[in-house]
N, C-alpha and C. Protein backbone atom coordinates (compact mmCIF):
# COMPACT_ATOMS: atom_id res chain seq x y z
N MET A 1 0.17 -2.18 -17.68
CA MET A 1 -0.26 -3.53 -17.34
C MET A 1 -1.63 -3.72 -17.28
N LEU A 2 -2.39 -2.66 -16.67
CA LEU A 2 -3.79 -2.65 -16.68
C LEU A 2 -4.58 -2.76 -17.98
N ARG A 3 -4.17 -2.17 -18.93
CA ARG A 3 -4.80 -2.12 -20.31
C ARG A 3 -4.13 -3.26 -21.11
N VAL A 4 -2.84 -3.54 -21.01
CA VAL A 4 -2.19 -4.59 -22.24
C VAL A 4 -2.38 -5.98 -21.62
N SER A 5 -2.36 -6.00 -20.47
CA SER A 5 -2.64 -7.72 -19.84
C SER A 5 -3.29 -7.70 -18.42
N PRO A 6 -4.47 -7.33 -18.61
CA PRO A 6 -5.34 -7.29 -17.27
C PRO A 6 -5.16 -8.60 -16.58
N GLY A 7 -5.16 -8.86 -15.39
CA GLY A 7 -4.95 -10.08 -14.64
C GLY A 7 -3.69 -10.64 -14.26
N GLN A 8 -2.71 -9.82 -15.23
CA GLN A 8 -1.15 -10.32 -14.77
C GLN A 8 -0.66 -10.04 -13.47
N ASP A 9 0.32 -10.80 -12.93
CA ASP A 9 0.73 -10.68 -11.56
C ASP A 9 1.50 -9.56 -11.73
N CYS A 10 1.38 -8.87 -10.58
CA CYS A 10 1.88 -7.52 -10.23
C CYS A 10 3.31 -7.57 -9.85
N GLY A 11 3.89 -8.86 -9.25
CA GLY A 11 5.01 -8.87 -8.76
C GLY A 11 5.53 -8.08 -7.39
N CYS A 12 4.51 -7.49 -6.92
CA CYS A 12 4.78 -6.49 -5.68
C CYS A 12 5.07 -7.45 -4.40
N PHE A 13 4.47 -8.59 -4.27
CA PHE A 13 4.66 -9.37 -3.14
C PHE A 13 5.57 -10.59 -3.19
N GLY A 14 6.44 -10.80 -4.16
CA GLY A 14 7.34 -11.86 -4.15
C GLY A 14 6.56 -12.99 -4.63
N GLY A 15 6.64 -14.22 -3.84
CA GLY A 15 5.96 -15.55 -4.07
C GLY A 15 4.50 -15.51 -4.33
N SER A 16 3.93 -14.46 -3.68
CA SER A 16 2.45 -14.29 -3.67
C SER A 16 1.96 -13.77 -4.93
N SER A 17 1.10 -14.66 -5.68
CA SER A 17 0.70 -13.98 -6.95
C SER A 17 -0.61 -13.11 -6.88
N GLU A 18 -0.51 -12.04 -7.22
CA GLU A 18 -1.58 -10.99 -6.96
C GLU A 18 -1.83 -10.43 -8.35
N PRO A 19 -2.91 -10.41 -9.12
CA PRO A 19 -3.20 -9.70 -10.25
C PRO A 19 -3.15 -8.24 -9.91
N ILE A 20 -2.69 -7.59 -11.09
CA ILE A 20 -2.81 -6.00 -10.94
C ILE A 20 -4.07 -5.46 -11.11
N THR A 21 -4.43 -4.56 -10.28
CA THR A 21 -5.84 -3.93 -10.32
C THR A 21 -5.88 -2.27 -10.38
N ARG A 22 -6.88 -1.55 -10.09
CA ARG A 22 -6.79 -0.21 -10.27
C ARG A 22 -6.16 0.26 -8.59
N TRP A 23 -6.52 -0.56 -7.84
CA TRP A 23 -6.03 -0.27 -6.54
C TRP A 23 -4.51 -0.14 -6.29
N HIS A 24 -3.79 -1.14 -7.15
CA HIS A 24 -2.28 -0.84 -7.40
C HIS A 24 -1.99 0.41 -8.03
N LEU A 25 -2.69 0.71 -8.81
CA LEU A 25 -2.41 2.10 -9.54
C LEU A 25 -2.46 3.26 -8.47
N LEU A 26 -3.63 3.15 -7.82
CA LEU A 26 -3.98 4.47 -6.67
C LEU A 26 -2.73 4.35 -5.81
N VAL A 27 -2.48 3.16 -5.20
CA VAL A 27 -1.48 3.16 -4.16
C VAL A 27 -0.10 3.52 -4.78
N ASP A 28 0.35 3.24 -6.00
CA ASP A 28 1.40 3.74 -6.52
C ASP A 28 1.43 5.06 -6.85
N ILE A 29 0.35 5.83 -7.27
CA ILE A 29 0.20 7.20 -7.25
C ILE A 29 0.45 7.86 -5.95
N ALA A 30 -0.21 7.21 -4.93
CA ALA A 30 -0.03 7.99 -3.61
C ALA A 30 1.45 7.98 -3.12
N GLY A 31 2.02 6.83 -3.55
CA GLY A 31 3.81 6.68 -3.08
C GLY A 31 4.33 7.58 -3.95
N LEU A 32 4.12 7.99 -5.09
CA LEU A 32 4.90 8.99 -5.96
C LEU A 32 4.43 10.44 -5.37
N ALA A 33 3.30 10.53 -4.77
CA ALA A 33 2.94 11.96 -4.25
C ALA A 33 3.71 12.13 -3.12
N VAL A 34 3.69 11.23 -2.22
CA VAL A 34 4.46 11.28 -0.84
C VAL A 34 6.01 11.24 -1.17
N GLY A 35 6.46 10.80 -2.07
CA GLY A 35 7.80 10.80 -2.58
C GLY A 35 8.29 12.20 -3.11
N ILE A 36 7.38 12.81 -3.78
CA ILE A 36 7.57 14.28 -4.52
C ILE A 36 7.52 15.27 -3.30
N ALA A 37 6.49 14.82 -2.51
CA ALA A 37 6.34 16.04 -1.40
C ALA A 37 7.67 15.80 -0.28
N ALA A 38 8.17 14.50 -0.25
CA ALA A 38 9.27 14.48 0.72
C ALA A 38 10.62 15.31 -0.04
N THR A 39 10.61 15.14 -1.18
CA THR A 39 11.73 15.72 -2.04
C THR A 39 11.60 17.23 -1.81
N ILE A 40 10.45 17.76 -1.93
CA ILE A 40 10.22 19.17 -1.95
C ILE A 40 10.39 19.73 -0.55
N TRP A 41 9.71 19.14 0.57
CA TRP A 41 9.74 19.50 1.78
C TRP A 41 10.50 18.42 2.73
N PRO A 42 11.80 18.41 2.68
CA PRO A 42 12.52 17.47 3.50
C PRO A 42 12.15 17.57 5.08
N GLN A 43 12.09 16.36 5.60
CA GLN A 43 11.66 16.13 6.94
C GLN A 43 13.09 15.45 7.75
N PRO A 44 13.01 15.57 9.15
CA PRO A 44 14.26 14.93 9.78
C PRO A 44 14.08 13.33 9.35
N SER A 45 15.33 12.66 9.60
CA SER A 45 15.22 11.28 9.48
C SER A 45 14.31 10.50 10.48
N VAL A 46 13.94 9.42 10.10
CA VAL A 46 13.00 8.44 10.98
C VAL A 46 13.60 8.17 12.41
N VAL A 47 14.92 7.98 12.35
CA VAL A 47 15.60 7.58 13.65
C VAL A 47 15.55 8.96 14.48
N ASP A 48 15.93 10.06 13.97
CA ASP A 48 15.76 11.31 14.80
C ASP A 48 14.33 11.53 15.16
N GLU A 49 13.26 11.28 14.31
CA GLU A 49 11.94 11.52 14.98
C GLU A 49 11.68 10.59 15.94
N VAL A 50 12.00 9.16 15.93
CA VAL A 50 11.66 8.21 16.95
C VAL A 50 12.28 8.58 18.09
N THR A 51 13.64 8.85 18.00
CA THR A 51 14.40 8.93 19.35
C THR A 51 14.12 10.18 20.07
N GLY A 52 13.45 11.29 19.43
CA GLY A 52 13.34 12.53 19.83
C GLY A 52 12.04 12.57 20.56
N GLN A 53 11.15 11.54 20.27
CA GLN A 53 9.67 11.66 21.00
C GLN A 53 9.68 10.67 21.82
N GLY A 54 10.39 9.80 21.98
CA GLY A 54 10.11 8.72 23.43
C GLY A 54 9.21 7.75 22.95
N ALA A 55 8.14 7.63 24.03
CA ALA A 55 7.12 6.77 23.68
C ALA A 55 6.32 7.16 22.41
N GLU A 56 6.09 8.31 22.02
CA GLU A 56 5.39 8.55 21.10
C GLU A 56 5.93 8.25 19.64
N GLY A 57 7.21 8.03 19.77
CA GLY A 57 8.10 7.67 18.75
C GLY A 57 7.80 6.20 18.47
N VAL A 58 7.53 5.43 19.36
CA VAL A 58 7.17 3.88 19.39
C VAL A 58 5.82 3.75 18.89
N LEU A 59 4.96 4.88 19.21
CA LEU A 59 3.68 4.99 18.59
C LEU A 59 3.63 5.06 17.04
N LEU A 60 4.55 6.15 16.85
CA LEU A 60 4.70 6.23 15.17
C LEU A 60 5.27 5.14 14.52
N VAL A 61 6.23 4.37 15.02
CA VAL A 61 6.78 3.12 14.34
C VAL A 61 5.23 2.17 14.24
N GLY A 62 4.86 1.85 15.31
CA GLY A 62 3.67 1.08 15.44
C GLY A 62 2.42 1.33 14.39
N LEU A 63 2.14 2.55 14.29
CA LEU A 63 1.16 3.08 13.34
C LEU A 63 1.73 3.13 11.94
N SER A 64 2.94 3.11 11.58
CA SER A 64 3.40 3.16 10.40
C SER A 64 3.42 1.59 9.88
N LEU A 65 3.83 0.64 10.84
CA LEU A 65 3.70 -0.74 10.41
C LEU A 65 2.06 -1.00 10.00
N VAL A 66 1.08 -0.40 10.85
CA VAL A 66 -0.47 -0.83 10.73
C VAL A 66 -0.64 -0.26 9.17
N LEU A 67 -0.23 1.06 9.07
CA LEU A 67 -0.55 1.63 7.75
C LEU A 67 0.06 0.66 6.33
N ALA A 68 1.33 0.19 6.78
CA ALA A 68 1.84 -0.59 5.70
C ALA A 68 1.15 -2.01 5.45
N TRP A 69 0.49 -2.46 6.60
CA TRP A 69 -0.16 -3.67 6.44
C TRP A 69 -1.72 -3.16 5.74
N LEU A 70 -2.36 -2.24 5.98
CA LEU A 70 -3.54 -1.80 5.37
C LEU A 70 -3.31 -1.73 3.88
N GLY A 71 -2.17 -1.37 3.65
CA GLY A 71 -1.78 -0.90 2.07
C GLY A 71 -1.58 -2.17 1.34
N TYR A 72 -1.08 -3.28 2.13
CA TYR A 72 -0.80 -4.58 1.45
C TYR A 72 -2.39 -5.01 1.43
N LEU A 73 -3.16 -4.95 2.40
CA LEU A 73 -4.46 -5.56 2.28
C LEU A 73 -5.38 -4.74 1.34
N LEU A 74 -5.08 -3.45 0.93
CA LEU A 74 -5.78 -2.66 -0.06
C LEU A 74 -5.48 -3.40 -1.45
N MET A 75 -4.19 -3.88 -1.55
CA MET A 75 -3.94 -4.52 -2.94
C MET A 75 -4.21 -5.86 -3.17
N THR A 76 -4.43 -6.60 -1.83
CA THR A 76 -4.68 -8.12 -2.15
C THR A 76 -6.01 -8.58 -1.83
N ALA A 77 -6.56 -8.31 -0.53
CA ALA A 77 -7.75 -8.62 0.02
C ALA A 77 -9.07 -7.84 -0.65
N LEU A 78 -9.01 -6.56 -0.95
CA LEU A 78 -9.92 -5.74 -1.55
C LEU A 78 -10.26 -6.49 -2.68
N PRO A 79 -9.29 -6.67 -3.81
CA PRO A 79 -9.80 -7.31 -4.90
C PRO A 79 -10.35 -8.39 -4.76
N ALA A 80 -9.69 -9.26 -3.83
CA ALA A 80 -10.39 -10.63 -3.70
C ALA A 80 -11.74 -10.73 -3.26
N LEU A 81 -12.03 -9.74 -2.49
CA LEU A 81 -13.39 -9.57 -1.59
C LEU A 81 -14.30 -9.00 -2.94
N GLY A 82 -14.09 -8.15 -3.92
CA GLY A 82 -14.78 -7.76 -4.84
C GLY A 82 -15.04 -8.88 -5.82
N THR A 83 -14.12 -9.84 -6.14
CA THR A 83 -14.33 -10.90 -6.67
C THR A 83 -15.39 -11.86 -6.20
N LEU A 84 -15.46 -11.96 -4.86
CA LEU A 84 -16.52 -12.97 -4.11
C LEU A 84 -17.61 -12.18 -4.22
N ARG A 85 -17.66 -11.18 -4.19
CA ARG A 85 -18.81 -10.26 -3.77
C ARG A 85 -19.59 -10.30 -5.41
N ALA A 86 -18.85 -10.24 -6.47
CA ALA A 86 -19.48 -10.46 -7.91
C ALA A 86 -19.99 -11.71 -7.89
N LYS A 87 -19.32 -12.92 -7.56
CA LYS A 87 -19.67 -14.19 -7.69
C LYS A 87 -21.07 -14.49 -6.80
N VAL A 88 -21.22 -13.86 -5.60
CA VAL A 88 -22.40 -13.94 -4.87
C VAL A 88 -23.59 -13.31 -5.62
N ALA A 89 -23.25 -11.99 -5.97
CA ALA A 89 -24.31 -11.36 -6.64
C ALA A 89 -24.99 -12.06 -8.01
N ASN A 90 -24.07 -12.96 -8.71
CA ASN A 90 -24.46 -13.47 -9.94
C ASN A 90 -25.23 -14.84 -9.57
N ARG A 91 -25.31 -15.34 -8.37
CA ARG A 91 -26.02 -16.39 -7.92
C ARG A 91 -27.52 -16.41 -8.27
């Protein structure tokens, strides 16, 4: 999509229209790498991890949510920031 139709909506976020960027590609490759690693080296289920760790399990869930939010920002806010930065630099 990057080569054929740059600026095309990625479709990642439902109703939110975000153009496809290189950041999307990097996040997708990172997700692929995590998926392959999880297949090669299986881990206990998330429920087992959270319940087995007590308060640290709650921290694990909270940090996982923060990481997901940062991934969302990486694919939405960072490209928008780059566009604004280019506009300011061209003034």
